[in-house]
Amino acid sequence: MWSLLGVPVLLIGLVARLNPLIVVTAAALVAGLAGGMAPLALLAAFGKGFNDARYVSVALLILPVIGLLERAGLQAQARRAVERLRAVTTGRLLLAYFALRQLTAALGLLSLGGQASMVRPLIAPMAEGVAETRLGPGTAVRAVLIRAHAAAADNIGAFFGEDIFVALGSVLLIKAVFHQNGVAVDPLRVAFWAIPTALVALAVHGARLLRLDRTLSQDGAP
């Protein structure tokens, strides 16, 4: 009963917009101590929880790495590299990344892309560099439009590509939903029939990316 004291601590901290990590930690401490746990036992429980979920914190290590790369000029180098390719347009560049993202996701390699690790430091600056080379300096409106299409290419490619790989959670989730409703589904068949959907997504979004070139060329520097 007394362990429920952690709930109001959590609610008060979140309403006050305090640091969520500190709020959750404080709520866990209050709940554990109020529930009669010894301080050392509570500390051991914290350590066990961190050790069991240590793989979650590994993802945070990429943030300082990306920050250091950007500080060292990663975006500038990406812009210069793509500016040397005369046949590349903004839409074609994003279409190539979209197809690559979808293919790698279909092979189960979801970690090869992502907004923080690929789009923000590399793909979006490269696409903006292509636009500046072909159309001249642009405004913030053009930059936002290109960045939005770069982010969409990553999200849509991963979303429709991962269903093709049978061992990913999306296919297993589909199987679980059908199973709960009394429908027996083979995960291999789910993955197989995800291929036509992925091809349609490639055609539809590929057309949108190619239309981006026309939009940028018609507007010049919106």
Protein backbone atom coordinates (compact mmCIF):
# COMPACT_ATOMS: atom_id res chain seq x y z
CA MET A 1 0.00 0.00 0.00
CA TRP A 2 2.66 2.51 1.04
CA SER A 3 4.64 1.71 -2.09
CA LEU A 4 1.97 3.59 -4.06
CA LEU A 5 3.45 6.83 -2.71
CA GLY A 6 5.77 6.73 -5.67
CA VAL A 7 2.84 7.45 -8.01
CA PRO A 8 2.06 10.98 -6.72
CA VAL A 9 5.79 11.75 -6.70
CA LEU A 10 5.93 10.76 -10.35
CA LEU A 11 2.83 12.80 -11.24
CA ILE A 12 3.98 15.91 -9.37
CA GLY A 13 7.41 15.77 -10.96
CA LEU A 14 6.03 15.38 -14.48
CA VAL A 15 3.45 18.14 -13.99
CA ALA A 16 6.22 20.42 -12.70
CA ARG A 17 8.20 19.54 -15.86
CA LEU A 18 11.25 18.45 -13.94
CA ASN A 19 13.92 16.22 -15.48
CA PRO A 20 12.08 12.94 -16.25
CA LEU A 21 15.10 10.82 -15.32
CA ILE A 22 15.33 12.46 -11.88
CA VAL A 23 11.57 12.21 -11.39
CA VAL A 24 11.41 8.50 -12.20
CA THR A 25 14.42 7.79 -10.00
CA ALA A 26 12.91 9.72 -7.09
CA ALA A 27 9.57 7.96 -7.51
CA ALA A 28 11.29 4.57 -7.49
CA LEU A 29 13.22 5.49 -4.34
CA VAL A 30 10.07 6.65 -2.54
CA ALA A 31 8.15 3.56 -3.61
CA GLY A 32 10.93 1.22 -2.54
CA LEU A 33 11.58 2.84 0.84
CA ALA A 34 7.88 3.22 1.60
CA GLY A 35 7.36 -0.42 0.68
CA GLY A 36 9.86 -1.52 3.30
CA MET A 37 12.91 -2.24 1.15
CA ALA A 38 16.28 -1.81 2.79
CA PRO A 39 18.50 0.87 1.22
CA LEU A 40 21.07 -1.71 0.09
CA ALA A 41 18.36 -3.94 -1.39
CA LEU A 42 16.92 -0.94 -3.21
CA LEU A 43 20.34 -0.05 -4.57
CA ALA A 44 20.82 -3.66 -5.70
CA ALA A 45 17.46 -3.55 -7.49
CA PHE A 46 18.55 -0.39 -9.32
CA GLY A 47 21.81 -2.05 -10.32
CA LYS A 48 20.05 -5.20 -11.53
CA GLY A 49 17.58 -3.16 -13.59
CA PHE A 50 20.37 -1.17 -15.20
CA ASN A 51 22.38 -4.30 -15.93
CA ASP A 52 19.39 -6.11 -17.45
CA ALA A 53 18.61 -3.15 -19.72
CA ARG A 54 22.16 -1.96 -20.40
CA TYR A 55 21.71 -2.44 -24.14
CA VAL A 56 19.21 0.46 -24.08
CA SER A 57 21.88 2.93 -22.97
CA VAL A 58 24.20 1.85 -25.79
CA ALA A 59 22.05 3.83 -28.22
CA LEU A 60 22.86 7.01 -26.28
CA LEU A 61 26.56 6.62 -27.09
CA ILE A 62 25.91 7.54 -30.72
CA LEU A 63 24.75 11.07 -29.81
CA PRO A 64 28.13 12.42 -28.63
CA VAL A 65 29.82 10.67 -31.56
CA ILE A 66 27.53 12.42 -34.05
CA GLY A 67 28.11 15.71 -32.23
CA LEU A 68 31.89 15.37 -32.51
CA LEU A 69 31.66 14.47 -36.20
CA GLU A 70 29.50 17.49 -36.94
CA ARG A 71 31.85 19.75 -35.02
CA ALA A 72 34.73 18.37 -37.11
CA GLY A 73 32.95 19.40 -40.32
CA LEU A 74 31.06 16.26 -41.33
CA GLN A 75 28.18 18.20 -42.88
CA ALA A 76 30.48 20.52 -44.80
CA GLN A 77 32.45 17.60 -46.21
CA ALA A 78 29.24 15.83 -47.22
CA ARG A 79 28.06 18.93 -49.08
CA ARG A 80 31.36 19.29 -50.94
CA ALA A 81 31.40 15.61 -51.91
CA VAL A 82 27.93 15.62 -53.42
CA GLU A 83 28.45 18.94 -55.19
CA ARG A 84 31.06 17.24 -57.40
CA LEU A 85 28.45 14.85 -58.83
CA ARG A 86 26.90 16.71 -61.76
CA ALA A 87 24.14 14.19 -62.59
CA VAL A 88 22.79 14.08 -59.04
CA THR A 89 19.68 16.06 -58.13
CA THR A 90 18.06 16.44 -54.75
CA GLY A 91 15.24 14.05 -55.62
CA ARG A 92 17.54 11.44 -57.15
CA LEU A 93 19.82 11.52 -54.13
CA LEU A 94 16.93 11.02 -51.73
CA LEU A 95 15.46 8.33 -53.98
CA ALA A 96 18.76 6.43 -53.92
CA TYR A 97 18.87 6.65 -50.12
CA PHE A 98 15.22 5.62 -49.90
CA ALA A 99 15.84 2.50 -52.00
CA LEU A 100 18.98 1.68 -49.99
CA ARG A 101 17.15 2.17 -46.70
CA GLN A 102 14.31 -0.09 -47.82
CA LEU A 103 16.71 -2.77 -49.04
CA THR A 104 18.81 -2.81 -45.89
CA ALA A 105 15.68 -2.88 -43.71
CA ALA A 106 14.42 -5.85 -45.74
CA LEU A 107 17.68 -7.61 -44.82
CA GLY A 108 17.17 -6.82 -41.14
CA LEU A 109 19.82 -4.07 -41.01
CA LEU A 110 17.69 -1.35 -39.44
CA SER A 111 20.64 0.19 -37.61
CA LEU A 112 22.29 1.27 -40.88
CA GLY A 113 19.96 4.26 -41.14
CA GLY A 114 18.04 6.54 -38.84
CA GLN A 115 17.27 10.19 -38.25
CA ALA A 116 20.03 10.89 -35.73
CA SER A 117 22.76 8.71 -37.23
CA MET A 118 22.24 9.22 -40.96
CA VAL A 119 19.62 11.78 -42.04
CA ARG A 120 20.58 14.69 -39.79
CA PRO A 121 24.37 14.58 -40.20
CA LEU A 122 24.66 13.30 -43.79
CA ILE A 123 21.63 12.88 -46.05
CA ALA A 124 19.89 16.20 -45.40
CA PRO A 125 23.08 18.32 -45.74
CA MET A 126 23.99 16.49 -48.95
CA ALA A 127 20.52 17.08 -50.40
CA GLU A 128 20.70 20.76 -49.47
CA GLY A 129 24.14 21.00 -51.04
CA VAL A 130 22.82 19.60 -54.32
CA ALA A 131 19.99 22.13 -54.33
CA GLU A 132 22.37 25.02 -53.71
CA THR A 133 24.68 23.85 -56.50
CA ARG A 134 21.88 23.63 -59.06
CA LEU A 135 19.56 26.44 -57.94
CA GLY A 136 21.76 28.78 -55.97
CA PRO A 137 21.42 29.84 -52.33
CA GLY A 138 18.01 29.14 -50.87
CA THR A 139 15.98 30.23 -47.88
CA ALA A 140 14.93 28.46 -44.71
CA VAL A 141 11.69 27.36 -46.39
CA ARG A 142 13.58 25.36 -48.99
CA ALA A 143 15.82 23.85 -46.33
CA VAL A 144 12.82 22.70 -44.29
CA LEU A 145 11.21 21.18 -47.39
CA ILE A 146 14.33 19.20 -48.26
CA ARG A 147 14.87 18.07 -44.68
CA ALA A 148 11.27 16.90 -44.43
CA HIS A 149 11.65 14.80 -47.59
CA ALA A 150 14.94 13.38 -46.30
CA ALA A 151 13.31 12.37 -43.01
CA ALA A 152 10.34 10.86 -44.85
CA ALA A 153 12.63 8.83 -47.10
CA ASP A 154 14.21 7.23 -44.04
CA ASN A 155 10.95 6.59 -42.19
CA ILE A 156 8.99 5.20 -45.15
CA GLY A 157 11.88 3.08 -46.36
CA ALA A 158 12.37 1.49 -42.95
CA PHE A 159 8.63 1.06 -42.33
CA PHE A 160 7.87 -0.85 -45.52
CA GLY A 161 11.21 -2.61 -45.72
CA GLU A 162 11.29 -4.18 -42.27
CA ASP A 163 8.10 -6.17 -42.90
CA ILE A 164 10.01 -8.27 -45.43
CA PHE A 165 12.46 -9.56 -42.81
CA VAL A 166 10.71 -12.32 -40.92
CA ALA A 167 12.71 -12.01 -37.69
CA LEU A 168 11.87 -8.37 -36.97
CA GLY A 169 9.24 -7.31 -34.48
CA SER A 170 6.84 -5.92 -37.08
CA VAL A 171 6.20 -9.33 -38.65
CA LEU A 172 5.87 -10.97 -35.24
CA LEU A 173 3.43 -8.24 -34.18
CA ILE A 174 1.27 -8.89 -37.24
CA LYS A 175 1.28 -12.61 -36.47
CA ALA A 176 0.33 -11.94 -32.82
CA VAL A 177 -2.58 -9.68 -33.77
CA PHE A 178 -3.97 -12.25 -36.20
CA HIS A 179 -3.46 -15.03 -33.64
CA GLN A 180 -5.44 -13.11 -31.00
CA ASN A 181 -8.31 -12.87 -33.46
CA GLY A 182 -8.26 -16.58 -34.23
CA VAL A 183 -6.46 -16.38 -37.58
CA ALA A 184 -3.44 -18.64 -38.10
CA VAL A 185 -0.74 -16.82 -40.07
CA ASP A 186 2.67 -18.06 -41.13
CA PRO A 187 5.33 -15.35 -40.57
CA LEU A 188 7.05 -16.39 -43.80
CA ARG A 189 3.89 -15.67 -45.77
CA VAL A 190 3.49 -12.31 -44.04
CA ALA A 191 7.04 -11.40 -45.04
CA PHE A 192 6.52 -12.67 -48.57
CA TRP A 193 3.36 -10.64 -49.17
CA ALA A 194 5.05 -7.56 -47.75
CA ILE A 195 7.23 -7.46 -50.89
CA PRO A 196 4.48 -6.12 -53.23
CA THR A 197 3.59 -3.49 -50.63
CA ALA A 198 7.21 -2.41 -50.41
CA LEU A 199 7.44 -2.16 -54.20
CA VAL A 200 4.32 -0.01 -54.33
CA ALA A 201 5.78 2.21 -51.60
CA LEU A 202 8.98 2.49 -53.61
CA ALA A 203 7.06 3.55 -56.73
CA VAL A 204 4.74 6.01 -54.96
CA HIS A 205 7.32 7.68 -52.76
CA GLY A 206 9.90 7.57 -55.54
CA ALA A 207 7.50 9.60 -57.69
CA ARG A 208 7.09 12.09 -54.84
CA LEU A 209 10.85 12.47 -54.55
CA LEU A 210 11.25 13.04 -58.28
CA ARG A 211 8.43 15.58 -58.13
CA LEU A 212 10.47 17.40 -55.49
CA ASP A 213 13.01 18.24 -58.20
CA ARG A 214 10.30 19.88 -60.29
CA THR A 215 8.99 21.76 -57.27
CA LEU A 216 12.41 23.12 -56.42
CA SER A 217 13.20 24.05 -60.03
CA GLN A 218 9.87 25.84 -60.51
CA ASP A 219 10.12 27.76 -57.28
CA GLY A 220 13.81 28.49 -57.66
CA ALA A 221 14.61 29.46 -54.11
CA PRO A 222 11.31 29.36 -52.26
